[in-house]
Amino acid sequence: MRTKNPQLMNDIREFITDYYQENLESPGLVMIAEHVGSSKSNVQRYLVEMQEKGMLDYDRGVKNPEVLSNCSGEYSAHPITGNINCGDPRQQEENVEEYVVLPDAIFGKGPKYILRAEGDSMTDAGIEEGDFVVIRVTPEAFKGDIVVALDGEGQNTLKRYEGFDESTGEHILGYMNEKTYPGEKIRVKQLCVQGVVKNVIKSF
């Protein structure tokens, strides 16, 4: 689910759930708006979006808060921060385009961000141009991880971490498209990891 203010959505969801559990009826639009400190029209837009995503039954009022209650606490919002190059490295500008709410049961908990893949160097890993790549925020990587890392010029790239070469004192970032980039590597003296790929989403 997409939203520009995931915190407001969470506030609306939690208030409706708590109110229903205490009163066995749903709060009205005015009550919800007053509680979350937003306008009625804005809250209504959020309720319509939640209805469209199957989180509750809304038609001029919340009719089925049990559905929303079952979802409570199982979703978290993560930012789409732009593109990541899967060919030659280049500078990534981290501008949040929007937020996407993902189920924790599938994607796990903890801080993450989402990048849109560009290029063809990771196709052997199932990552193609236009895919959305879910990145777990961590500075650490293990051999075999697909990482967002910096090359020697401080530019972001998405590559497979292939370990440390003791003979040269370099960390190795490998391409995963043997047909187009046979044996091609990026070597860096210092490994700077900004996250590890956890999931690939073909479309939202």
Protein backbone atom coordinates (compact mmCIF):
# COMPACT_ATOMS: atom_id res chain seq x y z
CA MET A 1 0.00 0.00 0.00
CA ARG A 2 1.26 3.45 -0.87
CA THR A 3 0.93 6.55 1.25
CA LYS A 4 2.81 9.81 1.71
CA ASN A 5 2.22 9.79 5.47
CA PRO A 6 2.42 6.29 6.94
CA GLN A 7 2.38 7.63 10.50
CA LEU A 8 -1.07 9.15 10.00
CA MET A 9 -2.35 5.88 8.57
CA ASN A 10 -1.01 4.01 11.59
CA ASP A 11 -2.63 6.54 13.94
CA ILE A 12 -6.00 6.14 12.21
CA ARG A 13 -5.73 2.35 12.27
CA GLU A 14 -4.75 2.17 15.94
CA PHE A 15 -7.47 4.58 17.04
CA ILE A 16 -10.23 2.70 15.21
CA THR A 17 -8.99 -0.63 16.57
CA ASP A 18 -8.73 0.59 20.18
CA TYR A 19 -12.07 2.40 20.03
CA TYR A 20 -13.87 -0.65 18.66
CA GLN A 21 -12.35 -2.95 21.28
CA GLU A 22 -13.50 -0.63 24.05
CA ASN A 23 -16.93 0.33 22.71
CA LEU A 24 -17.86 -2.50 20.32
CA GLU A 25 -18.72 0.07 17.69
CA SER A 26 -16.78 2.11 15.19
CA PRO A 27 -15.86 5.78 15.73
CA GLY A 28 -17.31 8.38 13.40
CA LEU A 29 -15.35 10.39 10.88
CA VAL A 30 -15.37 13.54 13.05
CA MET A 31 -14.11 11.60 16.06
CA ILE A 32 -11.28 10.02 14.06
CA ALA A 33 -10.25 13.36 12.57
CA GLU A 34 -10.20 15.05 15.98
CA HIS A 35 -8.17 12.26 17.51
CA VAL A 36 -5.44 12.23 14.85
CA GLY A 37 -5.42 16.00 14.41
CA SER A 38 -6.33 16.03 10.74
CA SER A 39 -9.19 17.29 8.59
CA LYS A 40 -12.27 15.16 7.92
CA SER A 41 -11.61 15.22 4.17
CA ASN A 42 -8.04 14.01 4.62
CA VAL A 43 -9.07 11.21 6.99
CA GLN A 44 -11.79 10.19 4.56
CA ARG A 45 -9.21 9.85 1.78
CA TYR A 46 -7.15 7.55 3.97
CA LEU A 47 -10.19 5.45 4.86
CA VAL A 48 -11.09 5.08 1.18
CA GLU A 49 -7.53 3.94 0.43
CA MET A 50 -7.63 1.43 3.28
CA GLN A 51 -10.96 0.18 1.95
CA GLU A 52 -9.44 -0.32 -1.51
CA LYS A 53 -6.60 -2.35 0.01
CA GLY A 54 -8.97 -4.61 1.96
CA MET A 55 -7.92 -3.34 5.38
CA LEU A 56 -11.45 -2.42 6.41
CA ASP A 57 -14.99 -2.05 5.10
CA TYR A 58 -15.69 1.65 4.63
CA ASP A 59 -18.72 3.30 3.06
CA ARG A 60 -19.59 6.57 4.81
CA GLY A 61 -18.43 4.86 7.98
CA VAL A 62 -16.19 2.03 9.15
CA LYS A 63 -18.28 -1.13 8.92
CA ASN A 64 -15.75 -3.88 9.59
CA PRO A 65 -13.01 -2.86 12.01
CA GLU A 66 -12.30 -6.54 12.81
CA VAL A 67 -10.47 -6.74 9.47
CA LEU A 68 -8.32 -3.77 10.38
CA SER A 69 -7.75 -5.15 13.88
CA ASN A 70 -6.38 -8.37 12.43
CA CYS A 71 -3.91 -6.32 10.36
CA SER A 72 -2.82 -4.12 13.24
CA GLY A 73 0.88 -4.33 14.00
CA GLU A 74 1.64 -6.53 11.00
CA TYR A 75 2.61 -3.81 8.53
CA SER A 76 5.34 -1.19 8.43
CA ALA A 77 6.14 1.61 6.01
CA HIS A 78 9.36 1.88 4.03
CA PRO A 79 10.52 4.65 1.66
CA ILE A 80 11.16 4.33 -2.06
CA THR A 81 14.33 6.41 -2.34
CA GLY A 82 14.96 6.36 -6.07
CA ASN A 83 17.02 4.27 -8.46
CA ILE A 84 20.07 2.07 -7.98
CA ASN A 85 22.32 1.34 -10.90
CA CYS A 86 22.97 -2.31 -11.73
CA GLY A 87 25.46 -1.56 -14.46
CA ASP A 88 28.33 0.87 -14.09
CA PRO A 89 28.27 2.58 -10.68
CA ARG A 90 26.89 6.09 -10.45
CA GLN A 91 25.81 8.46 -7.74
CA GLN A 92 22.39 7.79 -6.23
CA GLU A 93 20.34 10.72 -4.96
CA GLU A 94 18.33 9.66 -1.94
CA ASN A 95 15.02 11.42 -2.42
CA VAL A 96 11.98 9.77 -0.90
CA GLU A 97 9.38 9.42 -3.64
CA GLU A 98 6.72 7.80 -1.47
CA TYR A 99 6.23 5.17 1.20
CA VAL A 100 5.15 1.58 0.69
CA VAL A 101 3.54 -0.42 3.50
CA LEU A 102 4.76 -4.04 3.51
CA PRO A 103 3.65 -6.99 5.67
CA ASP A 104 6.20 -7.76 8.38
CA ALA A 105 5.37 -11.47 8.19
CA ILE A 106 6.84 -11.59 4.67
CA PHE A 107 9.47 -8.85 4.65
CA GLY A 108 10.53 -8.94 8.29
CA LYS A 109 10.85 -6.14 10.81
CA GLY A 110 13.49 -3.47 11.10
CA PRO A 111 14.57 -0.45 9.01
CA LYS A 112 14.46 -0.89 5.25
CA TYR A 113 14.29 1.19 2.12
CA ILE A 114 13.30 0.38 -1.45
CA LEU A 115 15.23 1.10 -4.64
CA ARG A 116 14.22 0.79 -8.27
CA ALA A 117 16.77 -1.24 -10.24
CA GLU A 118 18.37 0.09 -13.40
CA GLY A 119 20.72 -1.74 -15.74
CA ASP A 120 21.34 -5.41 -16.44
CA SER A 121 24.34 -6.51 -14.38
CA MET A 122 22.26 -8.45 -11.83
CA THR A 123 19.95 -10.46 -14.08
CA ASP A 124 21.53 -13.79 -13.07
CA ALA A 125 20.32 -12.98 -9.53
CA GLY A 126 16.78 -12.41 -10.81
CA ILE A 127 17.04 -8.61 -10.56
CA GLU A 128 15.98 -6.85 -13.75
CA GLU A 129 15.55 -3.22 -14.73
CA GLY A 130 12.41 -1.78 -13.17
CA ASP A 131 12.27 -4.24 -10.28
CA PHE A 132 11.85 -2.87 -6.76
CA VAL A 133 14.62 -4.06 -4.44
CA VAL A 134 13.94 -4.13 -0.69
CA ILE A 135 17.12 -3.24 1.20
CA ARG A 136 17.69 -4.01 4.89
CA VAL A 137 19.71 -1.21 6.46
CA THR A 138 23.01 -2.62 7.74
CA PRO A 139 26.71 -1.74 7.39
CA GLU A 140 27.71 -5.42 7.41
CA ALA A 141 27.74 -7.96 4.61
CA PHE A 142 28.73 -11.59 4.25
CA LYS A 143 30.17 -13.32 1.23
CA GLY A 144 27.35 -14.00 -1.23
CA ASP A 145 25.12 -11.12 -0.09
CA ILE A 146 23.77 -8.74 -2.72
CA VAL A 147 24.58 -5.31 -1.38
CA VAL A 148 24.21 -1.61 -1.96
CA ALA A 149 27.83 -0.51 -1.66
CA LEU A 150 30.18 2.27 -2.69
CA ASP A 151 32.81 1.84 -5.35
CA GLY A 152 36.25 3.44 -5.10
CA GLU A 153 34.85 6.81 -6.20
CA GLY A 154 32.08 6.87 -3.59
CA GLN A 155 29.28 6.00 -6.01
CA ASN A 156 26.44 3.61 -5.16
CA THR A 157 26.02 0.35 -6.99
CA LEU A 158 24.12 -2.90 -6.51
CA LYS A 159 26.45 -5.90 -6.67
CA ARG A 160 27.22 -9.26 -5.07
CA TYR A 161 29.81 -9.21 -2.31
CA GLU A 162 32.38 -11.87 -3.16
CA GLY A 163 34.63 -11.51 -0.14
CA PHE A 164 38.08 -10.18 0.67
CA ASP A 165 41.15 -10.87 -1.47
CA GLU A 166 44.03 -11.15 1.01
CA SER A 167 46.63 -11.09 -1.76
CA THR A 168 45.64 -7.58 -2.85
CA GLY A 169 43.95 -6.28 0.30
CA GLU A 170 40.75 -5.55 -1.63
CA HIS A 171 37.07 -6.34 -1.23
CA ILE A 172 35.39 -7.69 -4.35
CA LEU A 173 31.99 -6.69 -5.72
CA GLY A 174 30.86 -8.92 -8.55
CA TYR A 175 28.52 -8.51 -11.50
CA MET A 176 25.86 -11.21 -11.92
CA ASN A 177 25.35 -11.32 -15.67
CA GLU A 178 28.00 -13.63 -17.00
CA LYS A 179 26.81 -13.31 -20.59
CA THR A 180 27.16 -9.52 -20.75
CA TYR A 181 29.85 -8.93 -18.08
CA PRO A 182 31.97 -12.11 -18.02
CA GLY A 183 34.22 -12.12 -14.98
CA GLU A 184 33.78 -8.40 -14.33
CA LYS A 185 34.51 -7.19 -10.79
CA ILE A 186 34.74 -3.99 -8.80
CA ARG A 187 37.58 -3.91 -6.28
CA VAL A 188 37.65 -1.55 -3.32
CA LYS A 189 40.16 -1.10 -0.51
CA GLN A 190 37.44 -0.24 1.98
CA LEU A 191 34.02 -1.91 1.93
CA CYS A 192 31.24 0.60 2.59
CA VAL A 193 27.89 -1.20 2.67
CA GLN A 194 24.66 0.77 2.93
CA GLY A 195 22.34 -2.21 2.98
CA VAL A 196 21.73 -5.82 1.97
CA VAL A 197 19.05 -6.98 -0.46
CA LYS A 198 16.32 -8.98 1.28
CA ASN A 199 13.57 -9.12 -1.35
CA VAL A 200 12.89 -8.32 -4.99
CA ILE A 201 9.43 -7.09 -5.99
CA LYS A 202 8.53 -7.25 -9.66
CA SER A 203 5.65 -4.78 -9.31
CA PHE A 204 3.36 -3.19 -6.71
